[in-house]
Amino acid sequence: MLRTLRPVPALHSFRPQARRSFITLPGTEPQSLTVTKILPYKSSSLYTLISDVNSYSSFVPYCVESKVTTWSEADKNGQRWPSEADLKIGWGGYEEKFTSRLFCVPGSIVEALSGEAVTQISKSDLSHHSATFDAPATANDIFQSLSTRWTVKPIHYRPPTGQLQTDKTQHPARDQTEVHLTLDFQFSNPIYAAVSKAVAPKVAGKMIEAFEVRARRLLDGPGSAIQEKHPLDKEVSAGKKIGV
C-alpha cells in the first residue's frame, strides 16, 4: 500500500523572544527637577549636613530609613566620605528599599545614584571613590534611574550701608551659600509613577525647604557646635561606645 509522505512540521520554540519596546509607558518618561536657594550659613557647615546621609531619614521628605553601608578611601585631607547607602522611601501607602552609590566632592557636591544613573563628575575629582566609581548599576523596583545632586557654593556678600561709603570702614561680611539641588529620575514601574504623580513635581522644593529647616535648627540653636563635625564622627563615636 502506497502512503503519501507528508513533511514533518518544523518545531517552534515557545520561549518568549526578547523585544525592544519603542513605546514609553505614561509616567515612566525621564523627568528633571531643579531648585536653588540662598542660605545665610557657611558653605562648609551646610556641606557637613548634606553629606550626613545617615540623617536623611530625619528630614528628607518621604525618606523612611537611611544607612550608609560603605565609606570611601581617605581623601587628600585624610577624611572618608559616604560611598554607598541603603535608603527606604515611602508614600501613598507604598514603601520600597533600594541602594544608592554616593559620590562626594569635599566641600561642594554630594551625589546619589540609583539604577542606571551615571555620574557626570570628573573621575579626577573622585579619586577617593575609586573603588566604587565603575561599580555596576544596582537595579531596584522603583526607578530605572535616579540621580540626586546637591551642590553648595559660597557667596561673598557685604550688606549695603544705605549710603555712599566715604570713610573706608570695613563692614563685616555675612556668610551666605547658594544651595542647588537637581533631581533626574525615571520610574521603572508605571504604578509607582501614577501613585507619585501629584508628589513628584514638588519633591525638590520640599527637600530644600526641609533642609533649610534642619540647617536653621542645627546651625542657629544651641547645637550649632556640631557644624564642623564630619559625618563619619558618629560612626567612630558609636564604635568607641561598644568597645570597637
Protein backbone atom coordinates (compact mmCIF):
# COMPACT_ATOMS: atom_id res chain seq x y z
CA MET A 1 0.00 0.00 0.00
CA LEU A 2 1.38 3.32 -1.05
CA ARG A 3 1.44 6.02 1.54
CA THR A 4 1.85 9.69 0.96
CA LEU A 5 4.75 11.07 2.90
CA ARG A 6 3.91 14.41 4.39
CA PRO A 7 6.64 16.79 5.54
CA VAL A 8 7.05 16.93 9.30
CA PRO A 9 6.12 20.39 10.56
CA ALA A 10 9.05 22.35 11.91
CA LEU A 11 9.28 22.56 15.70
CA HIS A 12 8.88 26.04 17.12
CA SER A 13 10.25 27.24 20.43
CA PHE A 14 7.72 28.68 22.81
CA ARG A 15 10.42 30.54 24.70
CA PRO A 16 9.50 34.21 24.67
CA GLN A 17 11.76 36.30 22.48
CA ALA A 18 13.25 39.49 23.89
CA ARG A 19 11.97 42.50 22.04
CA ARG A 20 12.89 46.13 22.38
CA SER A 21 9.94 48.31 23.21
CA PHE A 22 9.61 51.54 21.29
CA ILE A 23 6.74 52.69 23.49
CA THR A 24 7.30 54.60 26.71
CA LEU A 25 4.56 53.88 29.20
CA PRO A 26 2.79 57.01 30.52
CA GLY A 27 4.52 58.30 33.63
CA THR A 28 7.77 56.42 33.02
CA GLU A 29 9.44 59.07 30.85
CA PRO A 30 12.59 60.79 32.21
CA GLN A 31 11.95 63.81 34.43
CA SER A 32 14.20 66.54 35.79
CA LEU A 33 13.65 68.94 38.70
CA THR A 34 15.91 71.72 39.94
CA VAL A 35 15.72 74.25 42.74
CA THR A 36 18.18 76.82 44.13
CA LYS A 37 18.15 78.70 47.40
CA ILE A 38 20.46 81.16 49.16
CA LEU A 39 21.01 80.31 52.83
CA PRO A 40 22.78 82.52 55.42
CA TYR A 41 25.33 79.94 56.55
CA LYS A 42 28.90 78.91 55.78
CA SER A 43 29.14 76.51 52.84
CA SER A 44 31.34 74.14 54.89
CA SER A 45 28.65 73.86 57.57
CA LEU A 46 25.90 73.18 55.03
CA TYR A 47 28.06 70.64 53.23
CA THR A 48 28.56 68.76 56.50
CA LEU A 49 24.79 68.49 56.91
CA ILE A 50 24.24 67.34 53.32
CA SER A 51 26.94 64.67 53.48
CA ASP A 52 25.42 63.26 56.68
CA VAL A 53 23.44 60.65 54.72
CA ASN A 54 22.67 58.63 57.86
CA SER A 55 20.46 61.51 59.00
CA TYR A 56 18.43 61.81 55.78
CA SER A 57 15.52 59.87 57.28
CA SER A 58 15.15 62.58 59.95
CA PHE A 59 14.48 65.41 57.49
CA VAL A 60 14.30 64.37 53.81
CA PRO A 61 10.63 64.09 52.76
CA TYR A 62 9.45 60.51 52.05
CA CYS A 63 12.75 59.02 53.29
CA VAL A 64 11.84 56.45 55.96
CA GLU A 65 15.27 54.90 56.54
CA SER A 66 18.85 55.85 55.61
CA LYS A 67 22.01 53.91 56.42
CA VAL A 68 25.50 54.32 54.99
CA THR A 69 26.92 50.85 54.31
CA THR A 70 30.23 51.71 52.62
CA TRP A 71 32.73 54.53 53.11
CA SER A 72 35.28 55.86 50.64
CA GLU A 73 39.02 55.73 50.91
CA ALA A 74 40.62 58.70 52.66
CA ASP A 75 40.77 61.88 50.57
CA LYS A 76 43.80 64.17 50.43
CA ASN A 77 42.87 65.54 53.86
CA GLY A 78 42.53 62.11 55.39
CA GLN A 79 38.72 62.14 55.55
CA ARG A 80 36.42 59.37 54.36
CA TRP A 81 33.01 60.00 52.82
CA PRO A 82 29.78 58.02 52.29
CA SER A 83 30.17 55.75 49.27
CA GLU A 84 27.07 53.54 49.36
CA ALA A 85 23.83 53.65 51.34
CA ASP A 86 20.56 51.76 51.75
CA LEU A 87 17.53 54.03 51.57
CA LYS A 88 13.86 53.32 52.11
CA ILE A 89 11.23 55.66 50.76
CA GLY A 90 7.51 55.64 51.36
CA TRP A 91 4.47 57.46 50.02
CA GLY A 92 0.83 56.69 49.35
CA GLY A 93 0.95 53.52 51.43
CA TYR A 94 3.95 52.12 49.50
CA GLU A 95 7.43 51.53 50.88
CA GLU A 96 10.46 50.37 48.93
CA LYS A 97 14.13 49.96 49.81
CA PHE A 98 16.99 50.46 47.37
CA THR A 99 20.74 51.03 47.29
CA SER A 100 22.41 54.25 46.17
CA ARG A 101 26.00 54.86 45.17
CA LEU A 102 27.34 58.09 46.64
CA PHE A 103 29.99 60.45 45.30
CA CYS A 104 31.28 63.33 47.40
CA VAL A 105 33.44 66.16 46.11
CA PRO A 106 34.52 67.54 49.51
CA GLY A 107 33.10 70.97 50.16
CA SER A 108 30.98 71.26 47.03
CA ILE A 109 28.99 68.22 45.75
CA VAL A 110 27.12 65.24 47.18
CA GLU A 111 25.62 62.99 44.53
CA ALA A 112 23.47 59.86 44.98
CA LEU A 113 22.88 57.47 42.06
CA SER A 114 20.50 54.54 41.73
CA GLY A 115 19.53 52.21 38.90
CA GLU A 116 21.14 53.07 35.56
CA ALA A 117 22.13 56.63 36.54
CA VAL A 118 25.78 57.52 35.96
CA THR A 119 27.81 60.36 37.40
CA GLN A 120 28.85 63.40 35.39
CA ILE A 121 31.56 64.31 37.89
CA SER A 122 35.13 64.02 36.65
CA LYS A 123 36.92 60.89 37.83
CA SER A 124 39.88 63.04 38.84
CA ASP A 125 37.69 64.72 41.47
CA LEU A 126 36.65 61.37 42.91
CA SER A 127 39.94 59.55 43.45
CA HIS A 128 38.83 58.64 46.98
CA HIS A 129 35.82 56.87 45.41
CA SER A 130 37.95 54.82 43.00
CA ALA A 131 36.75 51.52 44.50
CA THR A 132 33.13 52.23 43.55
CA PHE A 133 33.44 54.67 40.64
CA ASP A 134 32.99 51.96 37.99
CA ALA A 135 30.73 49.72 40.05
CA PRO A 136 27.79 48.22 38.10
CA ALA A 137 24.34 49.71 38.47
CA THR A 138 22.16 48.31 41.24
CA ALA A 139 18.67 47.56 39.96
CA ASN A 140 15.57 48.33 42.02
CA ASP A 141 11.82 48.07 41.61
CA ILE A 142 11.12 51.81 41.72
CA PHE A 143 13.47 53.74 39.50
CA GLN A 144 15.05 52.85 36.21
CA SER A 145 17.41 55.66 37.09
CA LEU A 146 17.68 58.25 39.84
CA SER A 147 20.29 60.97 40.27
CA THR A 148 20.19 63.37 43.21
CA ARG A 149 22.86 66.06 43.29
CA TRP A 150 23.39 68.68 45.99
CA THR A 151 25.82 71.49 45.19
CA VAL A 152 26.93 74.24 47.57
CA LYS A 153 28.73 77.40 46.52
CA PRO A 154 29.88 80.15 48.92
CA ILE A 155 28.75 83.68 48.16
CA HIS A 156 30.93 86.58 49.21
CA TYR A 157 28.44 89.25 50.17
CA ARG A 158 28.70 92.51 52.05
CA PRO A 159 25.48 94.17 53.23
CA PRO A 160 24.84 97.65 51.80
CA THR A 161 25.24 100.60 54.18
CA GLY A 162 22.42 102.62 52.63
CA GLN A 163 24.77 105.50 51.85
CA LEU A 164 27.91 106.26 49.95
CA GLN A 165 30.99 104.71 51.51
CA THR A 166 33.43 107.55 52.12
CA ASP A 167 35.11 106.65 55.40
CA LYS A 168 36.64 103.35 54.18
CA THR A 169 35.03 101.49 57.10
CA GLN A 170 35.23 97.73 56.69
CA HIS A 171 31.80 96.23 57.29
CA PRO A 172 31.79 92.53 58.27
CA ALA A 173 30.82 90.13 55.52
CA ARG A 174 27.84 87.86 56.07
CA ASP A 175 28.25 84.17 55.30
CA GLN A 176 25.93 83.06 52.53
CA THR A 177 25.77 79.93 50.42
CA GLU A 178 23.96 79.04 47.23
CA VAL A 179 22.43 75.57 47.59
CA HIS A 180 21.44 73.91 44.33
CA LEU A 181 19.50 70.64 44.14
CA THR A 182 18.93 68.63 40.95
CA LEU A 183 16.79 65.51 40.65
CA ASP A 184 16.85 63.44 37.46
CA PHE A 185 14.69 60.34 37.59
CA GLN A 186 12.77 57.80 35.57
CA PHE A 187 10.31 55.36 37.11
CA SER A 188 10.61 51.73 36.07
CA ASN A 189 7.05 50.91 37.10
CA PRO A 190 4.04 52.91 35.86
CA ILE A 191 2.19 52.06 39.08
CA TYR A 192 4.72 54.00 41.15
CA ALA A 193 4.60 56.78 38.58
CA ALA A 194 0.82 57.01 38.96
CA VAL A 195 0.91 56.92 42.77
CA SER A 196 3.52 59.71 42.92
CA LYS A 197 2.04 61.83 40.13
CA ALA A 198 0.87 64.57 42.49
CA VAL A 199 4.00 64.38 44.63
CA ALA A 200 6.95 64.08 42.23
CA PRO A 201 6.90 67.62 40.74
CA LYS A 202 7.10 69.12 44.25
CA VAL A 203 9.78 66.86 45.71
CA ALA A 204 12.80 69.09 45.00
CA GLY A 205 11.14 72.12 46.59
CA LYS A 206 10.04 70.12 49.63
CA MET A 207 13.56 68.69 50.04
CA ILE A 208 15.33 72.03 50.04
CA GLU A 209 12.71 73.55 52.36
CA ALA A 210 13.18 70.66 54.79
CA PHE A 211 16.95 71.12 54.54
CA GLU A 212 16.62 74.83 55.35
CA VAL A 213 14.60 74.00 58.46
CA ARG A 214 17.24 71.48 59.56
CA ALA A 215 20.07 73.98 58.93
CA ARG A 216 18.27 76.65 60.93
CA ARG A 217 17.69 74.28 63.83
CA LEU A 218 21.23 72.90 63.97
CA LEU A 219 23.28 75.95 62.98
CA ASP A 220 21.38 78.71 64.79
CA GLY A 221 20.50 76.91 68.00
CA PRO A 222 22.46 75.52 70.99
CA GLY A 223 23.56 72.57 68.86
CA SER A 224 25.41 74.79 66.40
CA ALA A 225 28.71 73.41 67.68
CA ILE A 226 28.11 70.28 65.57
CA GLN A 227 28.50 72.23 62.35
CA GLU A 228 32.18 71.45 61.92
CA LYS A 229 31.87 67.73 62.67
CA HIS A 230 32.40 65.14 59.95
CA PRO A 231 29.61 62.60 59.21
CA LEU A 232 31.97 59.72 59.98
CA ASP A 233 32.44 61.03 63.53
CA LYS A 234 29.13 59.44 64.52
CA GLU A 235 30.33 56.04 63.32
CA VAL A 236 33.60 56.38 65.22
CA SER A 237 31.95 57.52 68.46
CA ALA A 238 29.41 54.71 68.24
CA GLY A 239 32.26 52.22 67.82
CA LYS A 240 34.00 53.57 70.92
CA LYS A 241 30.86 53.13 73.00
CA ILE A 242 30.64 49.42 72.18
CA GLY A 243 34.38 48.94 72.53
CA VAL A 244 35.27 48.55 68.84
